[in-house]
Protein backbone atom coordinates (compact mmCIF):
# COMPACT_ATOMS: atom_id res chain seq x y z
CA UNK A 1 166.10 208.64 156.97
CA UNK A 2 163.14 207.93 159.35
CA UNK A 3 164.89 209.06 162.42
CA UNK A 4 168.00 211.01 161.97
CA UNK A 5 168.34 212.53 165.39
CA UNK A 6 167.29 209.11 166.86
CA UNK A 7 170.05 207.46 165.20
CA UNK A 8 173.28 210.32 165.86
CA UNK A 9 172.53 209.95 169.68
CA UNK A 10 172.55 205.69 169.61
CA UNK A 11 175.68 206.35 167.61
CA UNK A 12 176.96 208.85 170.23
CA UNK A 13 175.46 206.31 172.90
CA UNK A 14 177.64 203.45 171.79
CA UNK A 15 180.75 205.65 171.67
CA UNK A 16 180.17 206.66 175.55
CA UNK A 17 179.65 203.05 176.29
CA UNK A 18 182.93 201.72 174.24
CA UNK A 19 185.02 204.67 176.20
CA UNK A 20 183.25 203.85 179.17
CA UNK A 21 184.61 199.79 179.07
CA UNK A 22 187.66 200.60 177.74
CA UNK A 23 186.82 199.14 174.22
CA UNK A 24 187.44 201.32 170.87
CA UNK A 25 185.47 204.14 170.18
CA UNK A 26 185.41 203.09 166.40
CA UNK A 27 183.59 200.19 167.24
CA UNK A 28 179.79 199.58 166.08
CA UNK A 29 177.38 198.45 167.93
CA UNK A 30 173.73 199.12 168.99
CA UNK A 31 170.67 199.34 171.73
CA UNK A 32 168.61 195.91 172.26
CA UNK A 33 166.39 194.90 174.88
CA UNK A 34 168.81 193.02 177.36
CA UNK A 35 171.65 190.73 177.98
CA UNK A 36 170.73 187.70 175.85
CA UNK A 37 170.18 189.88 172.52
CA UNK A 38 173.37 191.68 173.23
CA UNK A 39 175.44 188.47 173.35
CA UNK A 40 173.38 187.53 170.24
CA UNK A 41 175.19 190.34 168.15
CA UNK A 42 178.58 189.35 168.96
CA UNK A 43 177.62 185.63 167.96
CA UNK A 44 175.98 186.18 164.87
CA UNK A 45 178.92 188.59 163.61
CA UNK A 46 181.17 185.54 164.61
CA UNK A 47 179.22 183.28 162.99
CA UNK A 48 178.78 185.17 159.64
CA UNK A 49 182.53 186.19 159.50
CA UNK A 50 184.61 182.89 160.77
CA UNK A 51 183.49 180.02 158.54
CA UNK A 52 185.06 179.96 154.83
CA UNK A 53 181.85 179.53 153.53
CA UNK A 54 179.03 181.41 152.41
CA UNK A 55 176.62 180.64 156.00
CA UNK A 56 174.10 182.70 155.62
CA UNK A 57 173.10 181.28 152.13
CA UNK A 58 174.35 178.05 152.08
CA UNK A 59 173.51 177.31 155.98
CA UNK A 60 174.95 176.23 159.42
CA UNK A 61 176.44 173.20 158.17
CA UNK A 62 179.80 173.63 155.70
CA UNK A 63 181.38 171.76 152.74
CA UNK A 64 181.56 167.59 153.57
CA UNK A 65 179.53 168.25 156.52
CA UNK A 66 181.88 170.66 158.31
CA UNK A 67 180.24 171.87 161.75
CA UNK A 68 181.11 174.77 164.08
CA UNK A 69 182.09 174.43 167.32
CA UNK A 70 181.28 177.07 170.06
CA UNK A 71 183.61 177.47 173.61
CA UNK A 72 182.55 178.62 176.77
CA UNK A 73 182.98 178.01 180.61
CA UNK A 74 180.28 176.04 182.87
CA UNK A 75 179.25 179.31 184.33
CA UNK A 76 177.94 181.20 181.31
CA UNK A 77 174.59 181.87 181.35
CA UNK A 78 172.37 179.73 179.10
CA UNK A 79 171.99 182.60 176.39
CA UNK A 80 174.65 180.61 174.52
CA UNK A 81 172.38 177.71 174.22
CA UNK A 82 169.35 180.06 172.70
CA UNK A 83 172.28 181.71 170.16
CA UNK A 84 173.37 178.28 169.02
CA UNK A 85 169.39 176.90 168.90
CA UNK A 86 168.05 180.08 166.95
CA UNK A 87 171.45 180.46 164.65
CA UNK A 88 171.15 176.89 163.34
CA UNK A 89 174.63 175.08 164.70
CA UNK A 90 172.78 173.41 167.29
CA UNK A 91 173.03 173.64 171.21
CA UNK A 92 175.50 170.37 170.46
CA UNK A 93 178.10 172.69 169.17
CA UNK A 94 178.57 174.63 172.36
CA UNK A 95 181.58 172.96 174.12
CA UNK A 96 180.92 173.67 178.10
CA UNK A 97 184.59 173.86 179.61
CA UNK A 98 185.32 173.31 182.62
CA UNK A 99 186.41 175.54 185.43
CA UNK A 100 189.01 175.68 187.96
CA UNK A 101 188.13 175.87 191.89
CA UNK A 102 188.73 179.53 191.56
CA UNK A 103 185.39 178.85 188.63
CA UNK A 104 187.22 180.66 185.89
CA UNK A 105 187.60 178.99 182.16
CA UNK A 106 190.19 175.91 182.35
CA UNK A 107 192.54 177.46 179.62
CA UNK A 108 194.21 174.00 178.93
CA UNK A 109 190.94 172.08 178.91
CA UNK A 110 190.25 174.83 176.51
CA UNK A 111 192.90 174.29 173.71
CA UNK A 112 192.68 170.33 174.08
CA UNK A 113 188.91 171.03 173.66
CA UNK A 114 189.83 173.38 170.56
CA UNK A 115 192.13 170.55 169.19
CA UNK A 116 190.09 167.90 169.18
CA UNK A 117 187.14 169.22 167.04
CA UNK A 118 189.57 170.69 164.53
CA UNK A 119 191.40 167.02 164.56
CA UNK A 120 187.62 165.98 163.81
CA UNK A 121 186.97 167.95 160.79
CA UNK A 122 185.08 170.32 163.02
CA UNK A 123 185.52 174.03 162.62
CA UNK A 124 186.24 175.82 166.14
CA UNK A 125 184.86 179.65 165.38
CA UNK A 126 183.87 181.14 168.55
CA UNK A 127 185.12 181.71 172.48
CA UNK A 128 183.28 183.57 175.31
CA UNK A 129 185.12 184.76 178.07
CA UNK A 130 182.80 185.56 181.40
CA UNK A 131 183.23 189.55 181.86
CA UNK A 132 181.65 188.61 185.39
CA UNK A 133 179.50 185.93 185.73
CA UNK A 134 176.25 185.45 186.70
CA UNK A 135 176.14 183.38 189.81
CA UNK A 136 179.37 184.60 191.59
CA UNK A 137 180.57 187.61 189.23
CA UNK A 138 183.76 185.94 188.15
CA UNK A 139 185.94 187.50 185.73
CA UNK A 140 187.72 184.75 183.53
CA UNK A 141 191.50 185.11 182.69
CA UNK A 142 190.59 187.78 179.75
CA UNK A 143 193.65 188.63 178.37
CA UNK A 144 195.10 185.03 178.44
CA UNK A 145 192.06 184.10 176.42
CA UNK A 146 192.14 186.22 173.70
CA UNK A 147 196.05 185.27 173.45
CA UNK A 148 194.72 181.86 172.62
CA UNK A 149 191.92 183.05 170.06
CA UNK A 150 194.80 185.11 168.37
CA UNK A 151 196.67 182.26 168.00
CA UNK A 152 194.00 179.64 166.75
CA UNK A 153 192.30 182.16 164.81
CA UNK A 154 189.14 182.23 166.65
CA UNK A 155 186.81 184.89 167.36
CA UNK A 156 186.79 186.25 171.31
CA UNK A 157 184.11 187.67 172.54
CA UNK A 158 183.56 188.63 176.20
CA UNK A 159 179.95 188.19 178.22
CA UNK A 160 180.25 191.78 179.94
CA UNK A 161 176.10 191.96 180.45
CA UNK A 162 176.95 191.87 184.32
CA UNK A 163 179.97 193.18 185.28
CA UNK A 164 181.40 194.80 181.99
CA UNK A 165 180.72 198.02 183.01
CA UNK A 166 182.95 197.75 185.89
CA UNK A 167 185.77 197.84 183.80
CA UNK A 168 185.68 201.21 184.28
CA UNK A 169 186.69 201.35 188.23
CA UNK A 170 190.42 200.25 189.67
CA UNK A 171 188.73 198.06 191.69
CA UNK A 172 187.90 195.68 189.34
CA UNK A 173 190.11 192.72 188.69
CA UNK A 174 192.68 193.80 186.00
CA UNK A 175 191.68 191.08 183.83
CA UNK A 176 188.42 192.58 183.07
CA UNK A 177 189.47 195.85 180.99
CA UNK A 178 192.27 194.42 179.63
CA UNK A 179 190.50 191.63 178.21
CA UNK A 180 187.90 193.83 176.68
CA UNK A 181 190.24 195.82 175.19
CA UNK A 182 191.27 192.66 173.09
CA UNK A 183 187.88 191.57 172.67
CA UNK A 184 186.31 191.16 168.88
CA UNK A 185 183.01 191.85 170.53
CA UNK A 186 181.61 192.45 173.97
CA UNK A 187 177.99 192.57 175.49
CA UNK A 188 176.67 194.64 178.24
CA UNK A 189 173.61 195.81 179.75
CA UNK A 190 172.83 199.51 180.78
CA UNK A 191 169.83 198.06 182.90
CA UNK A 192 172.45 196.30 185.15
CA UNK A 193 175.25 198.43 186.38
CA UNK A 194 174.28 201.72 184.64
CA UNK A 195 170.98 201.71 186.85
CA UNK A 196 169.06 202.09 183.33
CA UNK A 197 165.30 201.06 183.08
CA UNK A 198 164.70 197.80 180.95
CA UNK A 199 164.56 197.29 178.21
CA UNK A 200 168.31 198.14 177.56
CA UNK A 201 171.04 195.97 176.61
CA UNK A 202 174.09 196.96 174.47
CA UNK A 203 176.00 194.46 171.85
CA UNK A 204 179.66 196.13 170.76
CA UNK A 205 181.44 194.91 167.45
CA UNK A 206 185.27 196.28 166.81
CA UNK A 207 184.92 196.08 163.36
CA UNK A 208 181.44 197.77 162.34
CA UNK A 209 181.75 195.40 158.96
CA UNK A 210 180.85 192.75 160.68
CA UNK A 211 177.47 193.54 161.90
CA UNK A 212 177.07 194.20 158.05
CA UNK A 213 178.06 191.09 157.26
CA UNK A 214 175.87 189.46 160.11
CA UNK A 215 172.46 191.19 159.47
CA UNK A 216 172.21 193.35 156.32
CA UNK A 217 169.94 192.92 153.28
CA UNK A 218 169.41 196.00 150.72
CA UNK A 219 166.12 195.50 149.02
CA UNK A 220 165.61 198.70 146.63
CA UNK A 221 162.62 199.79 149.15
CA UNK A 222 165.37 200.29 151.86
CA UNK A 223 166.58 203.75 150.61
CA UNK A 224 169.43 203.60 153.10
CA UNK A 225 171.22 206.55 153.93
CA UNK A 226 175.50 206.78 153.55
CA UNK A 227 175.27 206.34 157.08
CA UNK A 228 174.58 204.28 160.22
CA UNK A 229 171.66 202.61 159.44
CA UNK A 230 170.70 200.25 162.83
CA UNK A 231 168.87 198.13 160.59
CA UNK A 232 171.86 196.43 159.48
CA UNK A 233 173.39 196.35 162.74
CA UNK A 234 170.90 193.45 164.32
CA UNK A 235 167.83 191.65 164.13
CA UNK A 236 165.39 194.18 164.36
CA UNK A 237 163.77 196.99 161.66
CA UNK A 238 161.29 198.57 163.99
CA UNK A 239 163.07 199.58 167.17
CA UNK A 240 161.97 201.60 170.16
CA UNK A 241 164.28 204.90 171.12
CA UNK A 242 166.47 202.70 173.69
CA UNK A 243 169.23 204.98 173.42
CA UNK A 244 167.66 207.84 174.68
CA UNK A 245 167.64 207.49 178.57
CA UNK A 246 170.87 205.86 178.13
CA UNK A 247 172.11 208.56 176.61
CA UNK A 248 170.38 211.54 179.07
CA UNK A 249 171.85 209.68 182.07
CA UNK A 250 175.65 209.00 180.67
CA UNK A 251 175.14 213.01 179.87
CA UNK A 252 173.79 213.53 183.24
CA UNK A 253 176.02 211.54 185.46
CA UNK A 254 179.14 211.52 183.44
CA UNK A 255 181.63 208.94 183.56
CA UNK A 256 183.06 209.71 186.89
CA UNK A 257 179.71 209.71 188.56
CA UNK A 258 179.27 206.30 187.31
CA UNK A 259 182.90 205.17 188.47
CA UNK A 260 181.93 206.14 192.15
CA UNK A 261 178.93 204.03 192.12
CA UNK A 262 180.22 201.62 190.73
CA UNK A 263 182.88 201.53 193.08
CA UNK A 264 180.44 201.94 195.90
CA UNK A 265 178.57 199.32 194.78
CA UNK A 266 181.55 197.14 194.79
CA UNK A 267 182.47 198.34 198.53
CA UNK A 268 179.20 197.39 199.92
CA UNK A 269 179.35 193.99 198.63
CA UNK A 270 182.48 193.41 200.41
CA UNK A 271 181.27 195.05 203.70
CA UNK A 272 178.30 192.81 203.40
CA UNK A 273 180.59 190.13 202.94
CA UNK A 274 182.85 190.55 206.22
CA UNK A 275 179.72 190.83 207.90
CA UNK A 276 178.43 188.01 207.19
CA UNK A 277 182.04 186.37 207.96
CA UNK A 278 181.45 187.32 211.31
CA UNK A 279 178.46 186.10 212.08
CA UNK A 280 179.09 182.04 213.35
CA UNK A 281 175.16 181.22 211.75
CA UNK A 282 176.44 182.38 208.13
CA UNK A 283 178.88 180.54 206.06
CA UNK A 284 180.45 182.86 203.43
CA UNK A 285 181.72 181.62 199.92
CA UNK A 286 182.71 184.28 197.62
CA UNK A 287 182.74 187.93 196.78
CA UNK A 288 183.64 189.34 193.32
CA UNK A 289 182.79 192.73 191.67
CA UNK A 290 179.30 193.48 193.52
CA UNK A 291 178.44 189.55 194.29
CA UNK A 292 178.65 187.82 197.38
CA UNK A 293 177.37 184.76 198.63
CA UNK A 294 176.30 183.12 201.87
CA UNK A 295 174.31 180.93 203.42
CA UNK A 296 172.76 179.89 206.71
CA UNK A 297 174.32 177.30 208.92
CA UNK A 298 172.73 176.50 212.66
CA UNK A 299 175.73 176.89 215.21
CA UNK A 300 174.76 172.96 216.22
CA UNK A 301 175.49 171.65 212.29
CA UNK A 302 178.41 173.94 212.10
CA UNK A 303 181.18 170.73 212.61
CA UNK A 304 178.84 168.32 210.13
CA UNK A 305 179.07 169.90 206.99
CA UNK A 306 180.59 166.85 205.65
CA UNK A 307 177.88 164.73 206.48
CA UNK A 308 175.63 163.99 203.59
CA UNK A 309 172.65 164.27 205.43
CA UNK A 310 173.42 167.69 207.02
CA UNK A 311 174.34 168.96 203.31
CA UNK A 312 171.13 167.91 202.03
CA UNK A 313 169.37 169.47 204.77
CA UNK A 314 171.17 172.69 204.37
CA UNK A 315 170.14 172.70 200.80
CA UNK A 316 166.58 172.28 201.51
CA UNK A 317 166.82 175.05 204.48
CA UNK A 318 168.44 177.74 202.33
CA UNK A 319 165.85 177.22 199.03
CA UNK A 320 163.17 177.95 201.70
CA UNK A 321 165.30 180.87 203.25
CA UNK A 322 165.56 182.21 200.01
CA UNK A 323 161.80 182.03 198.78
CA UNK A 324 161.05 183.44 202.77
CA UNK A 325 163.44 186.40 202.48
CA UNK A 326 161.92 187.31 199.13
CA UNK A 327 158.07 187.41 200.34
CA UNK A 328 159.73 189.22 203.66
CA UNK A 329 160.12 192.62 202.01
CA UNK A 330 162.78 193.54 204.11
CA UNK A 331 165.79 192.56 201.93
CA UNK A 332 166.05 190.91 198.67
CA UNK A 333 168.66 188.01 197.57
CA UNK A 334 169.18 185.86 194.67
CA UNK A 335 170.85 182.37 194.79
CA UNK A 336 173.62 180.11 193.16
CA UNK A 337 174.61 176.71 193.57
CA UNK A 338 178.19 176.03 193.65
CA UNK A 339 179.42 172.98 193.39
CA UNK A 340 176.29 171.28 194.22
CA UNK A 341 176.11 174.07 197.56
CA UNK A 342 172.78 176.10 197.31
CA UNK A 343 174.20 179.68 199.06
CA UNK A 344 172.28 182.69 199.11
CA UNK A 345 173.29 185.52 196.68
CA UNK A 346 173.29 189.14 196.93
CA UNK A 347 173.76 191.35 194.04
CA UNK A 348 174.34 194.91 194.57
CA UNK A 349 173.70 197.45 191.37
CA UNK A 350 171.56 199.84 193.12
CA UNK A 351 172.78 203.60 193.86
CA UNK A 352 170.41 203.84 196.43
CA UNK A 353 171.59 200.76 198.60
CA UNK A 354 173.77 202.41 201.43
CA UNK A 355 175.73 200.78 204.11
CA UNK A 356 173.06 200.45 206.49
CA UNK A 357 171.28 198.47 204.22
CA UNK A 358 174.21 195.94 204.39
CA UNK A 359 174.87 195.99 207.79
CA UNK A 360 171.69 195.19 208.58
CA UNK A 361 171.06 192.12 206.27
CA UNK A 362 172.93 189.21 208.17
CA UNK A 363 170.59 189.69 211.23
CA UNK A 364 167.44 189.53 209.04
CA UNK A 365 168.92 186.42 207.41
CA UNK A 366 169.79 184.79 210.52
CA UNK A 367 166.14 185.63 211.99
CA UNK A 368 164.41 184.29 209.40
CA UNK A 369 166.94 181.20 209.28
CA UNK A 370 166.37 180.60 212.91
CA UNK A 371 162.66 180.18 212.50
CA UNK A 372 163.22 178.21 209.42
CA UNK A 373 165.12 175.60 211.11
CA UNK A 374 162.92 175.37 214.23
CA UNK A 375 159.96 174.54 211.41
CA UNK A 376 161.82 172.35 209.09
CA UNK A 377 164.69 170.36 210.39
CA UNK A 378 164.09 166.43 210.76
CA UNK A 379 163.97 164.70 213.96
CA UNK A 380 167.72 163.58 214.86
CA UNK A 381 169.38 165.04 212.66
């Protein structure tokens, strides 16, 4: 009633985002501050919908001490800990499922954990599949997770905060779009791969009634219209008009424009990964979606990577290198830790990134790496 134009624009923005990533256009959703809150929307919707008791009035522990359980891979972002903490189920309720060598969730381990928890009297309710992990961009086998959730009657959520929008391009893993289409809820982040200014996350739920079931209260002073009322769709009452900037960008660029820009980012990342692989002083690790990981390795240490002292030194060297690169102003990379190995992480989600940028990056990294190696290497190594 207080902002009908803003409400209609946000409804249309949610529909356009859903259509772009292959989620049902009839889904409910809203614009939130970012990826954490977008994931919270799906988590709280599942928390209200799945238990066989009235969790919003009776609390997180069910009759007879029943305890909810959530399942995520070890690659899942720390938002899950915040959600478990703030929802009252506690962080110990989260089961961290191991990944295989491909860094995707181990489905056998997931099934085993669910069976063990049911046998112990706990209540599994929520499984999160990763639609582009924060460290490497890996996409879980989302259709297989969806099938398991259907068999086990569990809520299937996709954390696509980083990679979800890649579902609109053919270069992305086929499991991404297929899995999103099967999900009960999805989180995406327009201020990542739709290039929107902060703040702009988006939480989507297949059936809008689950949003109302999770968040709505109707005191007499609300005077709600018989329409979408975003106060019933999330945690905030007073909200900024986040949808406007995303709506304007979608209106201006269109789905075809976003497909081209996202495809370009993925192609540029592959170029960077291949260029790093050609440099004898860089060791490459992973390349998924628009994230490439690699590290600097001095030539004379290349044959000694298995030595513990060398491994320890290379972690120290690349940690210092990352800090120096970030402060240097020529190129900005972040980091990831893969099986104890500290690596540099290049994530391209900027439509202004061009081919010369990625072609020059390996040489910049090597130049800084050589200088630091000369200053940091212990005697005798």
